[in-house]
Amino acid sequence: MTVGLRRLLFAAVAAVSLFTSTAHADSQDDQFLGLLARDGVNFDTPERMIGTAHERCNINQLGHDSGGFSLWAGRVRSPYTTAMSALTMKLAAKGLGGNQVDHFLRDAVTAYCPGPAVGDGS
């Protein structure tokens, strides 16, 4: 086998390996996208929807206290509640209705968030 043919064969195998490794989403992504499709939710590219779903799970890391009260600001919401409101508004700004937002958030928790999600009634 000549050097040129070996390089061509190597390049072909590398290209196929690269394509097959990037062409498939992982099982969590497949599950999430399948849940969204079932629920009729589609507002962006799959990559962006997956990224937004991960934002939902990151919110679980925030404080879940009940907030408090400040003489200067009045009622102060917890970091969790504030972040969930911001994410809900972000999804609504992308054109999702109330039920679609609920489905998106629930599907994100189902696919990506380990353990029970505080605030979701889980």
PDB file of N, CA and C in Angstrom:
ATOM      1  N   MET A   1       0.852  -1.171   0.000  1.00  0.00           N
ATOM      2  CA  MET A   1       0.000   0.000   0.000  1.00  0.00           C
ATOM      3  C   MET A   1       0.901   1.238   0.000  1.00  0.00           C
ATOM      4  N   THR A   2       0.629   2.185  -0.863  1.00  0.00           N
ATOM      5  CA  THR A   2       1.470   3.373  -0.949  1.00  0.00           C
ATOM      6  C   THR A   2       1.133   4.334   0.176  1.00  0.00           C
ATOM      7  N   VAL A   3       2.054   5.251   0.429  1.00  0.00           N
ATOM      8  CA  VAL A   3       1.872   6.229   1.501  1.00  0.00           C
ATOM      9  C   VAL A   3       0.644   7.098   1.215  1.00  0.00           C
ATOM     10  N   GLY A   4       0.467   7.515  -0.038  1.00  0.00           N
ATOM     11  CA  GLY A   4      -0.681   8.348  -0.398  1.00  0.00           C
ATOM     12  C   GLY A   4      -1.996   7.638  -0.154  1.00  0.00           C
ATOM     13  N   LEU A   5      -2.056   6.353  -0.491  1.00  0.00           N
ATOM     14  CA  LEU A   5      -3.281   5.586  -0.280  1.00  0.00           C
ATOM     15  C   LEU A   5      -3.558   5.403   1.210  1.00  0.00           C
ATOM     16  N   ARG A   6      -2.503   5.174   1.985  1.00  0.00           N
ATOM     17  CA  ARG A   6      -2.670   5.037   3.447  1.00  0.00           C
ATOM     18  C   ARG A   6      -3.210   6.331   4.046  1.00  0.00           C
ATOM     19  N   ARG A   7      -2.663   7.458   3.610  1.00  0.00           N
ATOM     20  CA  ARG A   7      -3.133   8.749   4.141  1.00  0.00           C
ATOM     21  C   ARG A   7      -4.592   8.984   3.761  1.00  0.00           C
ATOM     22  N   LEU A   8      -4.935   8.649   2.546  1.00  0.00           N
ATOM     23  CA  LEU A   8      -6.314   8.814   2.101  1.00  0.00           C
ATOM     24  C   LEU A   8      -7.256   7.934   2.919  1.00  0.00           C
ATOM     25  N   LEU A   9      -6.844   6.682   3.135  1.00  0.00           N
ATOM     26  CA  LEU A   9      -7.655   5.761   3.927  1.00  0.00           C
ATOM     27  C   LEU A   9      -7.777   6.250   5.365  1.00  0.00           C
ATOM     28  N   PHE A  10      -6.683   6.719   5.943  1.00  0.00           N
ATOM     29  CA  PHE A  10      -6.694   7.247   7.306  1.00  0.00           C
ATOM     30  C   PHE A  10      -7.618   8.460   7.398  1.00  0.00           C
ATOM     31  N   ALA A  11      -7.517   9.352   6.421  1.00  0.00           N
ATOM     32  CA  ALA A  11      -8.361  10.554   6.423  1.00  0.00           C
ATOM     33  C   ALA A  11      -9.838  10.178   6.314  1.00  0.00           C
ATOM     34  N   ALA A  12     -10.140   9.179   5.500  1.00  0.00           N
ATOM     35  CA  ALA A  12     -11.534   8.747   5.347  1.00  0.00           C
ATOM     36  C   ALA A  12     -12.065   8.162   6.652  1.00  0.00           C
ATOM     37  N   VAL A  13     -11.274   7.310   7.296  1.00  0.00           N
ATOM     38  CA  VAL A  13     -11.689   6.708   8.569  1.00  0.00           C
ATOM     39  C   VAL A  13     -11.850   7.788   9.630  1.00  0.00           C
ATOM     40  N   ALA A  14     -10.937   8.744   9.682  1.00  0.00           N
ATOM     41  CA  ALA A  14     -11.032   9.827  10.664  1.00  0.00           C
ATOM     42  C   ALA A  14     -12.279  10.668  10.423  1.00  0.00           C
ATOM     43  N   ALA A  15     -12.572  10.952   9.164  1.00  0.00           N
ATOM     44  CA  ALA A  15     -13.760  11.749   8.837  1.00  0.00           C
ATOM     45  C   ALA A  15     -15.043  11.029   9.244  1.00  0.00           C
ATOM     46  N   VAL A  16     -15.123   9.742   8.972  1.00  0.00           N
ATOM     47  CA  VAL A  16     -16.307   8.963   9.346  1.00  0.00           C
ATOM     48  C   VAL A  16     -16.442   8.917  10.855  1.00  0.00           C
ATOM     49  N   SER A  17     -15.342   8.717  11.562  1.00  0.00           N
ATOM     50  CA  SER A  17     -15.374   8.675  13.029  1.00  0.00           C
ATOM     51  C   SER A  17     -15.822  10.009  13.601  1.00  0.00           C
ATOM     52  N   LEU A  18     -15.302  11.085  13.055  1.00  0.00           N
ATOM     53  CA  LEU A  18     -15.670  12.412  13.529  1.00  0.00           C
ATOM     54  C   LEU A  18     -17.147  12.676  13.264  1.00  0.00           C
ATOM     55  N   PHE A  19     -17.629  12.339  12.083  1.00  0.00           N
ATOM     56  CA  PHE A  19     -19.022  12.571  11.734  1.00  0.00           C
ATOM     57  C   PHE A  19     -19.953  11.771  12.634  1.00  0.00           C
ATOM     58  N   THR A  20     -19.658  10.518  12.851  1.00  0.00           N
ATOM     59  CA  THR A  20     -20.565   9.695  13.652  1.00  0.00           C
ATOM     60  C   THR A  20     -20.551  10.096  15.113  1.00  0.00           C
ATOM     61  N   SER A  21     -19.432  10.613  15.609  1.00  0.00           N
ATOM     62  CA  SER A  21     -19.395  11.004  17.018  1.00  0.00           C
ATOM     63  C   SER A  21     -20.127  12.309  17.262  1.00  0.00           C
ATOM     64  N   THR A  22     -20.201  13.191  16.258  1.00  0.00           N
ATOM     65  CA  THR A  22     -20.878  14.461  16.468  1.00  0.00           C
ATOM     66  C   THR A  22     -22.288  14.465  15.908  1.00  0.00           C
ATOM     67  N   ALA A  23     -22.654  13.483  15.145  1.00  0.00           N
ATOM     68  CA  ALA A  23     -23.964  13.495  14.502  1.00  0.00           C
ATOM     69  C   ALA A  23     -25.076  13.029  15.436  1.00  0.00           C
ATOM     70  N   HIS A  24     -24.750  12.415  16.547  1.00  0.00           N
ATOM     71  CA  HIS A  24     -25.766  11.877  17.445  1.00  0.00           C
ATOM     72  C   HIS A  24     -25.737  12.603  18.779  1.00  0.00           C
ATOM     73  N   ALA A  25     -26.889  13.050  19.229  1.00  0.00           N
ATOM     74  CA  ALA A  25     -26.991  13.625  20.566  1.00  0.00           C
ATOM     75  C   ALA A  25     -26.931  12.490  21.574  1.00  0.00           C
ATOM     76  N   ASP A  26     -26.582  12.832  22.801  1.00  0.00           N
ATOM     77  CA  ASP A  26     -26.549  11.763  23.803  1.00  0.00           C
ATOM     78  C   ASP A  26     -27.973  11.392  24.204  1.00  0.00           C
ATOM     79  N   SER A  27     -28.097  10.350  24.993  1.00  0.00           N
ATOM     80  CA  SER A  27     -29.427   9.817  25.309  1.00  0.00           C
ATOM     81  C   SER A  27     -30.288  10.815  26.079  1.00  0.00           C
ATOM     82  N   GLN A  28     -29.688  11.630  26.949  1.00  0.00           N
ATOM     83  CA  GLN A  28     -30.473  12.636  27.663  1.00  0.00           C
ATOM     84  C   GLN A  28     -31.020  13.672  26.688  1.00  0.00           C
ATOM     85  N   ASP A  29     -30.176  14.093  25.740  1.00  0.00           N
ATOM     86  CA  ASP A  29     -30.625  15.061  24.746  1.00  0.00           C
ATOM     87  C   ASP A  29     -31.749  14.470  23.896  1.00  0.00           C
ATOM     88  N   ASP A  30     -31.577  13.228  23.478  1.00  0.00           N
ATOM     89  CA  ASP A  30     -32.620  12.560  22.698  1.00  0.00           C
ATOM     90  C   ASP A  30     -33.926  12.482  23.485  1.00  0.00           C
ATOM     91  N   GLN A  31     -33.816  12.139  24.772  1.00  0.00           N
ATOM     92  CA  GLN A  31     -35.011  12.055  25.608  1.00  0.00           C
ATOM     93  C   GLN A  31     -35.694  13.419  25.701  1.00  0.00           C
ATOM     94  N   PHE A  32     -34.906  14.454  25.962  1.00  0.00           N
ATOM     95  CA  PHE A  32     -35.448  15.800  26.109  1.00  0.00           C
ATOM     96  C   PHE A  32     -36.132  16.267  24.825  1.00  0.00           C
ATOM     97  N   LEU A  33     -35.444  16.118  23.709  1.00  0.00           N
ATOM     98  CA  LEU A  33     -36.016  16.547  22.432  1.00  0.00           C
ATOM     99  C   LEU A  33     -37.275  15.740  22.086  1.00  0.00           C
ATOM    100  N   GLY A  34     -37.280  14.461  22.451  1.00  0.00           N
ATOM    101  CA  GLY A  34     -38.467  13.639  22.242  1.00  0.00           C
ATOM    102  C   GLY A  34     -39.642  14.102  23.083  1.00  0.00           C
ATOM    103  N   LEU A  35     -39.371  14.474  24.341  1.00  0.00           N
ATOM    104  CA  LEU A  35     -40.437  14.982  25.214  1.00  0.00           C
ATOM    105  C   LEU A  35     -41.000  16.290  24.662  1.00  0.00           C
ATOM    106  N   LEU A  36     -40.106  17.169  24.192  1.00  0.00           N
ATOM    107  CA  LEU A  36     -40.573  18.430  23.614  1.00  0.00           C
ATOM    108  C   LEU A  36     -41.432  18.184  22.383  1.00  0.00           C
ATOM    109  N   ALA A  37     -40.991  17.262  21.523  1.00  0.00           N
ATOM    110  CA  ALA A  37     -41.757  16.946  20.314  1.00  0.00           C
ATOM    111  C   ALA A  37     -43.137  16.404  20.679  1.00  0.00           C
ATOM    112  N   ARG A  38     -43.175  15.529  21.686  1.00  0.00           N
ATOM    113  CA  ARG A  38     -44.452  14.972  22.142  1.00  0.00           C
ATOM    114  C   ARG A  38     -45.383  16.077  22.627  1.00  0.00           C
ATOM    115  N   ASP A  39     -44.799  17.083  23.304  1.00  0.00           N
ATOM    116  CA  ASP A  39     -45.592  18.161  23.883  1.00  0.00           C
ATOM    117  C   ASP A  39     -45.835  19.323  22.915  1.00  0.00           C
ATOM    118  N   GLY A  40     -45.277  19.223  21.695  1.00  0.00           N
ATOM    119  CA  GLY A  40     -45.485  20.270  20.698  1.00  0.00           C
ATOM    120  C   GLY A  40     -44.731  21.552  20.980  1.00  0.00           C
ATOM    121  N   VAL A  41     -43.567  21.453  21.624  1.00  0.00           N
ATOM    122  CA  VAL A  41     -42.772  22.629  21.963  1.00  0.00           C
ATOM    123  C   VAL A  41     -41.557  22.680  21.036  1.00  0.00           C
ATOM    124  N   ASN A  42     -41.434  23.774  20.286  1.00  0.00           N
ATOM    125  CA  ASN A  42     -40.290  23.960  19.397  1.00  0.00           C
ATOM    126  C   ASN A  42     -40.130  25.447  19.166  1.00  0.00           C
ATOM    127  N   PHE A  43     -39.032  26.032  19.665  1.00  0.00           N
ATOM    128  CA  PHE A  43     -38.870  27.473  19.539  1.00  0.00           C
ATOM    129  C   PHE A  43     -37.499  27.899  19.053  1.00  0.00           C
ATOM    130  N   ASP A  44     -36.591  26.969  18.903  1.00  0.00           N
ATOM    131  CA  ASP A  44     -35.223  27.348  18.553  1.00  0.00           C
ATOM    132  C   ASP A  44     -34.502  26.118  18.034  1.00  0.00           C
ATOM    133  N   THR A  45     -33.198  26.230  17.850  1.00  0.00           N
ATOM    134  CA  THR A  45     -32.420  25.072  17.429  1.00  0.00           C
ATOM    135  C   THR A  45     -32.355  24.074  18.584  1.00  0.00           C
ATOM    136  N   PRO A  46     -32.176  22.796  18.287  1.00  0.00           N
ATOM    137  CA  PRO A  46     -32.046  21.819  19.379  1.00  0.00           C
ATOM    138  C   PRO A  46     -30.937  22.180  20.364  1.00  0.00           C
ATOM    139  N   GLU A  47     -29.815  22.677  19.868  1.00  0.00           N
ATOM    140  CA  GLU A  47     -28.700  23.024  20.755  1.00  0.00           C
ATOM    141  C   GLU A  47     -29.091  24.110  21.742  1.00  0.00           C
ATOM    142  N   ARG A  48     -29.811  25.112  21.261  1.00  0.00           N
ATOM    143  CA  ARG A  48     -30.225  26.206  22.149  1.00  0.00           C
ATOM    144  C   ARG A  48     -31.300  25.758  23.131  1.00  0.00           C
ATOM    145  N   MET A  49     -32.211  24.905  22.677  1.00  0.00           N
ATOM    146  CA  MET A  49     -33.233  24.398  23.598  1.00  0.00           C
ATOM    147  C   MET A  49     -32.579  23.560  24.694  1.00  0.00           C
ATOM    148  N   ILE A  50     -31.580  22.761  24.329  1.00  0.00           N
ATOM    149  CA  ILE A  50     -30.858  21.945  25.310  1.00  0.00           C
ATOM    150  C   ILE A  50     -30.120  22.843  26.292  1.00  0.00           C
ATOM    151  N   GLY A  51     -29.481  23.892  25.790  1.00  0.00           N
ATOM    152  CA  GLY A  51     -28.783  24.839  26.672  1.00  0.00           C
ATOM    153  C   GLY A  51     -29.723  25.505  27.653  1.00  0.00           C
ATOM    154  N   THR A  52     -30.895  25.895  27.177  1.00  0.00           N
ATOM    155  CA  THR A  52     -31.890  26.523  28.050  1.00  0.00           C
ATOM    156  C   THR A  52     -32.392  25.531  29.088  1.00  0.00           C
ATOM    157  N   ALA A  53     -32.529  24.279  28.697  1.00  0.00           N
ATOM    158  CA  ALA A  53     -32.950  23.248  29.654  1.00  0.00           C
ATOM    159  C   ALA A  53     -31.925  23.085  30.771  1.00  0.00           C
ATOM    160  N   HIS A  54     -30.649  23.168  30.425  1.00  0.00           N
ATOM    161  CA  HIS A  54     -29.613  23.076  31.454  1.00  0.00           C
ATOM    162  C   HIS A  54     -29.662  24.276  32.398  1.00  0.00           C
ATOM    163  N   GLU A  55     -30.063  25.435  31.883  1.00  0.00           N
ATOM    164  CA  GLU A  55     -30.248  26.595  32.758  1.00  0.00           C
ATOM    165  C   GLU A  55     -31.269  26.270  33.845  1.00  0.00           C
ATOM    166  N   ARG A  56     -32.337  25.553  33.444  1.00  0.00           N
ATOM    167  CA  ARG A  56     -33.375  25.193  34.416  1.00  0.00           C
ATOM    168  C   ARG A  56     -32.789  24.376  35.561  1.00  0.00           C
ATOM    169  N   CYS A  57     -31.935  23.421  35.232  1.00  0.00           N
ATOM    170  CA  CYS A  57     -31.353  22.590  36.285  1.00  0.00           C
ATOM    171  C   CYS A  57     -30.362  23.377  37.137  1.00  0.00           C
ATOM    172  N   ASN A  58     -29.640  24.303  36.521  1.00  0.00           N
ATOM    173  CA  ASN A  58     -28.697  25.118  37.291  1.00  0.00           C
ATOM    174  C   ASN A  58     -29.416  25.959  38.340  1.00  0.00           C
ATOM    175  N   ILE A  59     -30.641  26.316  38.052  1.00  0.00           N
ATOM    176  CA  ILE A  59     -31.427  27.113  39.012  1.00  0.00           C
ATOM    177  C   ILE A  59     -31.630  26.333  40.311  1.00  0.00           C
ATOM    178  N   ASN A  60     -31.673  25.011  40.235  1.00  0.00           N
ATOM    179  CA  ASN A  60     -31.854  24.200  41.451  1.00  0.00           C
ATOM    180  C   ASN A  60     -30.724  24.414  42.455  1.00  0.00           C
ATOM    181  N   GLN A  61     -29.582  24.913  41.987  1.00  0.00           N
ATOM    182  CA  GLN A  61     -28.437  25.131  42.875  1.00  0.00           C
ATOM    183  C   GLN A  61     -28.583  26.411  43.694  1.00  0.00           C
ATOM    184  N   LEU A  62     -29.558  27.241  43.343  1.00  0.00           N
ATOM    185  CA  LEU A  62     -29.746  28.504  44.053  1.00  0.00           C
ATOM    186  C   LEU A  62     -30.510  28.293  45.353  1.00  0.00           C
ATOM    187  N   GLY A  63     -30.455  29.274  46.194  1.00  0.00           N
ATOM    188  CA  GLY A  63     -31.138  29.199  47.484  1.00  0.00           C
ATOM    189  C   GLY A  63     -32.640  29.060  47.317  1.00  0.00           C
ATOM    190  N   HIS A  64     -33.229  28.164  48.068  1.00  0.00           N
ATOM    191  CA  HIS A  64     -34.660  27.908  47.999  1.00  0.00           C
ATOM    192  C   HIS A  64     -35.397  28.488  49.201  1.00  0.00           C
ATOM    193  N   ASP A  65     -34.768  29.423  49.901  1.00  0.00           N
ATOM    194  CA  ASP A  65     -35.450  29.981  51.062  1.00  0.00           C
ATOM    195  C   ASP A  65     -36.680  30.759  50.598  1.00  0.00           C
ATOM    196  N   SER A  66     -37.452  31.205  51.528  1.00  0.00           N
ATOM    197  CA  SER A  66     -38.708  31.876  51.179  1.00  0.00           C
ATOM    198  C   SER A  66     -38.513  33.360  50.924  1.00  0.00           C
ATOM    199  N   GLY A  67     -37.265  33.793  50.822  1.00  0.00           N
ATOM    200  CA  GLY A  67     -37.020  35.217  50.621  1.00  0.00           C
ATOM    201  C   GLY A  67     -37.066  35.921  51.953  1.00  0.00           C
ATOM    202  N   GLY A  68     -37.644  37.074  51.971  1.00  0.00           N
ATOM    203  CA  GLY A  68     -37.723  37.813  53.216  1.00  0.00           C
ATOM    204  C   GLY A  68     -38.392  39.153  53.001  1.00  0.00           C
ATOM    205  N   PHE A  69     -38.133  40.048  53.913  1.00  0.00           N
ATOM    206  CA  PHE A  69     -38.724  41.375  53.824  1.00  0.00           C
ATOM    207  C   PHE A  69     -37.657  42.389  54.159  1.00  0.00           C
ATOM    208  N   SER A  70     -37.622  43.454  53.388  1.00  0.00           N
ATOM    209  CA  SER A  70     -36.676  44.536  53.605  1.00  0.00           C
ATOM    210  C   SER A  70     -37.458  45.839  53.724  1.00  0.00           C
ATOM    211  N   LEU A  71     -37.072  46.696  54.671  1.00  0.00           N
ATOM    212  CA  LEU A  71     -37.747  47.985  54.824  1.00  0.00           C
ATOM    213  C   LEU A  71     -37.591  48.835  53.570  1.00  0.00           C
ATOM    214  N   TRP A  72     -36.487  48.662  52.853  1.00  0.00           N
ATOM    215  CA  TRP A  72     -36.221  49.475  51.664  1.00  0.00           C
ATOM    216  C   TRP A  72     -36.861  48.886  50.402  1.00  0.00           C
ATOM    217  N   ALA A  73     -36.872  47.545  50.300  1.00  0.00           N
ATOM    218  CA  ALA A  73     -37.341  46.907  49.066  1.00  0.00           C
ATOM    219  C   ALA A  73     -38.680  46.195  49.214  1.00  0.00           C
ATOM    220  N   GLY A  74     -39.164  46.062  50.427  1.00  0.00           N
ATOM    221  CA  GLY A  74     -40.395  45.296  50.636  1.00  0.00           C
ATOM    222  C   GLY A  74     -40.084  43.808  50.616  1.00  0.00           C
ATOM    223  N   ARG A  75     -41.002  43.037  50.069  1.00  0.00           N
ATOM    224  CA  ARG A  75     -40.800  41.590  50.008  1.00  0.00           C
ATOM    225  C   ARG A  75     -39.646  41.272  49.067  1.00  0.00           C
ATOM    226  N   VAL A  76     -38.721  40.440  49.538  1.00  0.00           N
ATOM    227  CA  VAL A  76     -37.563  40.032  48.741  1.00  0.00           C
ATOM    228  C   VAL A  76     -37.737  38.563  48.386  1.00  0.00           C
ATOM    229  N   ARG A  77     -37.713  38.275  47.091  1.00  0.00           N
ATOM    230  CA  ARG A  77     -37.890  36.892  46.631  1.00  0.00           C
ATOM    231  C   ARG A  77     -36.585  36.121  46.755  1.00  0.00           C
ATOM    232  N   SER A  78     -36.705  34.809  46.863  1.00  0.00           N
ATOM    233  CA  SER A  78     -35.519  33.957  46.953  1.00  0.00           C
ATOM    234  C   SER A  78     -34.793  33.963  45.610  1.00  0.00           C
ATOM    235  N   PRO A  79     -33.491  33.631  45.609  1.00  0.00           N
ATOM    236  CA  PRO A  79     -32.762  33.541  44.343  1.00  0.00           C
ATOM    237  C   PRO A  79     -33.402  32.540  43.380  1.00  0.00           C
ATOM    238  N   TYR A  80     -33.912  31.427  43.912  1.00  0.00           N
ATOM    239  CA  TYR A  80     -34.568  30.417  43.088  1.00  0.00           C
ATOM    240  C   TYR A  80     -35.791  31.006  42.385  1.00  0.00           C
ATOM    241  N   THR A  81     -36.642  31.666  43.141  1.00  0.00           N
ATOM    242  CA  THR A  81     -37.868  32.244  42.585  1.00  0.00           C
ATOM    243  C   THR A  81     -37.544  33.319  41.557  1.00  0.00           C
ATOM    244  N   THR A  82     -36.550  34.138  41.838  1.00  0.00           N
ATOM    245  CA  THR A  82     -36.141  35.189  40.911  1.00  0.00           C
ATOM    246  C   THR A  82     -35.637  34.588  39.611  1.00  0.00           C
ATOM    247  N   ALA A  83     -34.794  33.560  39.696  1.00  0.00           N
ATOM    248  CA  ALA A  83     -34.237  32.926  38.496  1.00  0.00           C
ATOM    249  C   ALA A  83     -35.317  32.201  37.694  1.00  0.00           C
ATOM    250  N   MET A  84     -36.250  31.536  38.372  1.00  0.00           N
ATOM    251  CA  MET A  84     -37.335  30.849  37.663  1.00  0.00           C
ATOM    252  C   MET A  84     -38.214  31.853  36.931  1.00  0.00           C
ATOM    253  N   SER A  85     -38.484  32.992  37.543  1.00  0.00           N
ATOM    254  CA  SER A  85     -39.278  34.028  36.876  1.00  0.00           C
ATOM    255  C   SER A  85     -38.560  34.544  35.631  1.00  0.00           C
ATOM    256  N   ALA A  86     -37.249  34.761  35.749  1.00  0.00           N
ATOM    257  CA  ALA A  86     -36.473  35.244  34.607  1.00  0.00           C
ATOM    258  C   ALA A  86     -36.466  34.216  33.475  1.00  0.00           C
ATOM    259  N   LEU A  87     -36.315  32.933  33.809  1.00  0.00           N
ATOM    260  CA  LEU A  87     -36.315  31.893  32.781  1.00  0.00           C
ATOM    261  C   LEU A  87     -37.689  31.777  32.130  1.00  0.00           C
ATOM    262  N   THR A  88     -38.731  31.880  32.914  1.00  0.00           N
ATOM    263  CA  THR A  88     -40.091  31.829  32.376  1.00  0.00           C
ATOM    264  C   THR A  88     -40.318  32.991  31.406  1.00  0.00           C
ATOM    265  N   MET A  89     -39.856  34.180  31.770  1.00  0.00           N
ATOM    266  CA  MET A  89     -40.000  35.341  30.885  1.00  0.00           C
ATOM    267  C   MET A  89     -39.162  35.170  29.620  1.00  0.00           C
ATOM    268  N   LYS A  90     -37.984  34.575  29.738  1.00  0.00           N
ATOM    269  CA  LYS A  90     -37.130  34.326  28.579  1.00  0.00           C
ATOM    270  C   LYS A  90     -37.836  33.393  27.591  1.00  0.00           C
ATOM    271  N   LEU A  91     -38.461  32.343  28.115  1.00  0.00           N
ATOM    272  CA  LEU A  91     -39.176  31.400  27.252  1.00  0.00           C
ATOM    273  C   LEU A  91     -40.403  32.058  26.620  1.00  0.00           C
ATOM    274  N   ALA A  92     -41.105  32.873  27.386  1.00  0.00           N
ATOM    275  CA  ALA A  92     -42.277  33.572  26.850  1.00  0.00           C
ATOM    276  C   ALA A  92     -41.855  34.547  25.753  1.00  0.00           C
ATOM    277  N   ALA A  93     -40.710  35.188  25.923  1.00  0.00           N
ATOM    278  CA  ALA A  93     -40.209  36.125  24.906  1.00  0.00           C
ATOM    279  C   ALA A  93     -39.860  35.411  23.605  1.00  0.00           C
ATOM    280  N   LYS A  94     -39.586  34.121  23.683  1.00  0.00           N
ATOM    281  CA  LYS A  94     -39.301  33.339  22.480  1.00  0.00           C
ATOM    282  C   LYS A  94     -40.578  32.834  21.815  1.00  0.00           C
ATOM    283  N   GLY A  95     -41.734  33.202  22.384  1.00  0.00           N
ATOM    284  CA  GLY A  95     -43.005  32.874  21.765  1.00  0.00           C
ATOM    285  C   GLY A  95     -43.745  31.696  22.371  1.00  0.00           C
ATOM    286  N   LEU A  96     -43.257  31.147  23.475  1.00  0.00           N
ATOM    287  CA  LEU A  96     -43.949  30.022  24.100  1.00  0.00           C
ATOM    288  C   LEU A  96     -45.102  30.528  24.955  1.00  0.00           C
ATOM    289  N   GLY A  97     -46.239  29.850  24.851  1.00  0.00           N
ATOM    290  CA  GLY A  97     -47.382  30.157  25.698  1.00  0.00           C
ATOM    291  C   GLY A  97     -47.205  29.524  27.068  1.00  0.00           C
ATOM    292  N   GLY A  98     -48.115  29.811  27.967  1.00  0.00           N
ATOM    293  CA  GLY A  98     -48.018  29.309  29.342  1.00  0.00           C
ATOM    294  C   GLY A  98     -47.888  27.805  29.441  1.00  0.00           C
ATOM    295  N   ASN A  99     -48.736  27.066  28.706  1.00  0.00           N
ATOM    296  CA  ASN A  99     -48.659  25.606  28.753  1.00  0.00           C
ATOM    297  C   ASN A  99     -47.349  25.094  28.165  1.00  0.00           C
ATOM    298  N   GLN A 100     -46.884  25.736  27.100  1.00  0.00           N
ATOM    299  CA  GLN A 100     -45.620  25.312  26.490  1.00  0.00           C
ATOM    300  C   GLN A 100     -44.443  25.568  27.433  1.00  0.00           C
ATOM    301  N   VAL A 101     -44.473  26.694  28.143  1.00  0.00           N
ATOM    302  CA  VAL A 101     -43.424  26.976  29.132  1.00  0.00           C
ATOM    303  C   VAL A 101     -43.431  25.898  30.203  1.00  0.00           C
ATOM    304  N   ASP A 102     -44.619  25.557  30.701  1.00  0.00           N
ATOM    305  CA  ASP A 102     -44.731  24.514  31.725  1.00  0.00           C
ATOM    306  C   ASP A 102     -44.176  23.186  31.214  1.00  0.00           C
ATOM    307  N   HIS A 103     -44.556  22.812  29.984  1.00  0.00           N
ATOM    308  CA  HIS A 103     -44.052  21.566  29.404  1.00  0.00           C
ATOM    309  C   HIS A 103     -42.537  21.610  29.255  1.00  0.00           C
ATOM    310  N   PHE A 104     -42.000  22.724  28.771  1.00  0.00           N
ATOM    311  CA  PHE A 104     -40.559  22.843  28.583  1.00  0.00           C
ATOM    312  C   PHE A 104     -39.825  22.647  29.906  1.00  0.00           C
ATOM    313  N   LEU A 105     -40.273  23.357  30.938  1.00  0.00           N
ATOM    314  CA  LEU A 105     -39.601  23.272  32.242  1.00  0.00           C
ATOM    315  C   LEU A 105     -39.710  21.864  32.829  1.00  0.00           C
ATOM    316  N   ARG A 106     -40.873  21.251  32.706  1.00  0.00           N
ATOM    317  CA  ARG A 106     -41.066  19.891  33.217  1.00  0.00           C
ATOM    318  C   ARG A 106     -40.199  18.894  32.438  1.00  0.00           C
ATOM    319  N   ASP A 107     -40.157  19.040  31.119  1.00  0.00           N
ATOM    320  CA  ASP A 107     -39.343  18.142  30.297  1.00  0.00           C
ATOM    321  C   ASP A 107     -37.855  18.308  30.611  1.00  0.00           C
ATOM    322  N   ALA A 108     -37.431  19.542  30.873  1.00  0.00           N
ATOM    323  CA  ALA A 108     -36.028  19.792  31.233  1.00  0.00           C
ATOM    324  C   ALA A 108     -35.671  19.078  32.529  1.00  0.00           C
ATOM    325  N   VAL A 109     -36.564  19.179  33.513  1.00  0.00           N
ATOM    326  CA  VAL A 109     -36.328  18.511  34.801  1.00  0.00           C
ATOM    327  C   VAL A 109     -36.281  17.005  34.604  1.00  0.00           C
ATOM    328  N   THR A 110     -37.202  16.467  33.817  1.00  0.00           N
ATOM    329  CA  THR A 110     -37.262  15.022  33.583  1.00  0.00           C
ATOM    330  C   THR A 110     -35.975  14.512  32.946  1.00  0.00           C
ATOM    331  N   ALA A 111     -35.464  15.233  31.970  1.00  0.00           N
ATOM    332  CA  ALA A 111     -34.301  14.752  31.219  1.00  0.00           C
ATOM    333  C   ALA A 111     -32.966  15.052  31.885  1.00  0.00           C
ATOM    334  N   TYR A 112     -32.830  16.199  32.542  1.00  0.00           N
ATOM    335  CA  TYR A 112     -31.508  16.650  32.955  1.00  0.00           C
ATOM    336  C   TYR A 112     -31.273  16.838  34.442  1.00  0.00           C
ATOM    337  N   CYS A 113     -32.302  17.055  35.220  1.00  0.00           N
ATOM    338  CA  CYS A 113     -32.083  17.414  36.626  1.00  0.00           C
ATOM    339  C   CYS A 113     -32.102  16.171  37.515  1.00  0.00           C
ATOM    340  N   PRO A 114     -30.982  15.850  38.120  1.00  0.00           N
ATOM    341  CA  PRO A 114     -30.950  14.682  39.007  1.00  0.00           C
ATOM    342  C   PRO A 114     -31.688  14.967  40.309  1.00  0.00           C
ATOM    343  N   GLY A 115     -32.386  13.978  40.777  1.00  0.00           N
ATOM    344  CA  GLY A 115     -33.086  14.112  42.056  1.00  0.00           C
ATOM    345  C   GLY A 115     -34.332  14.970  41.940  1.00  0.00           C
ATOM    346  N   PRO A 116     -35.050  15.104  43.048  1.00  0.00           N
ATOM    347  CA  PRO A 116     -36.279  15.907  43.033  1.00  0.00           C
ATOM    348  C   PRO A 116     -35.959  17.380  42.865  1.00  0.00           C
ATOM    349  N   ALA A 117     -36.752  18.067  42.089  1.00  0.00           N
ATOM    350  CA  ALA A 117     -36.568  19.495  41.859  1.00  0.00           C
ATOM    351  C   ALA A 117     -37.433  20.279  42.825  1.00  0.00           C
ATOM    352  N   VAL A 118     -36.810  21.076  43.654  1.00  0.00           N
ATOM    353  CA  VAL A 118     -37.542  21.890  44.609  1.00  0.00           C
ATOM    354  C   VAL A 118     -38.346  22.905  43.837  1.00  0.00           C
ATOM    355  N   GLY A 119     -39.587  23.079  44.222  1.00  0.00           N
ATOM    356  CA  GLY A 119     -40.426  24.074  43.587  1.00  0.00           C
ATOM    357  C   GLY A 119     -41.233  23.533  42.425  1.00  0.00           C
ATOM    358  N   ASP A 120     -41.000  22.302  42.012  1.00  0.00           N
ATOM    359  CA  ASP A 120     -41.743  21.727  40.898  1.00  0.00           C
ATOM    360  C   ASP A 120     -42.856  20.805  41.375  1.00  0.00           C
ATOM    361  N   GLY A 121     -43.022  20.677  42.669  1.00  0.00           N
ATOM    362  CA  GLY A 121     -44.022  19.764  43.195  1.00  0.00           C
ATOM    363  C   GLY A 121     -43.593  18.311  43.071  1.00  0.00           C
ATOM    364  N   SER A 122     -42.311  18.093  42.826  1.00  0.00           N
ATOM    365  CA  SER A 122     -41.792  16.720  42.681  1.00  0.00           C
ATOM    366  C   SER A 122     -41.475  16.115  44.009  1.00  0.00           C
TER     367      SER A 122
END
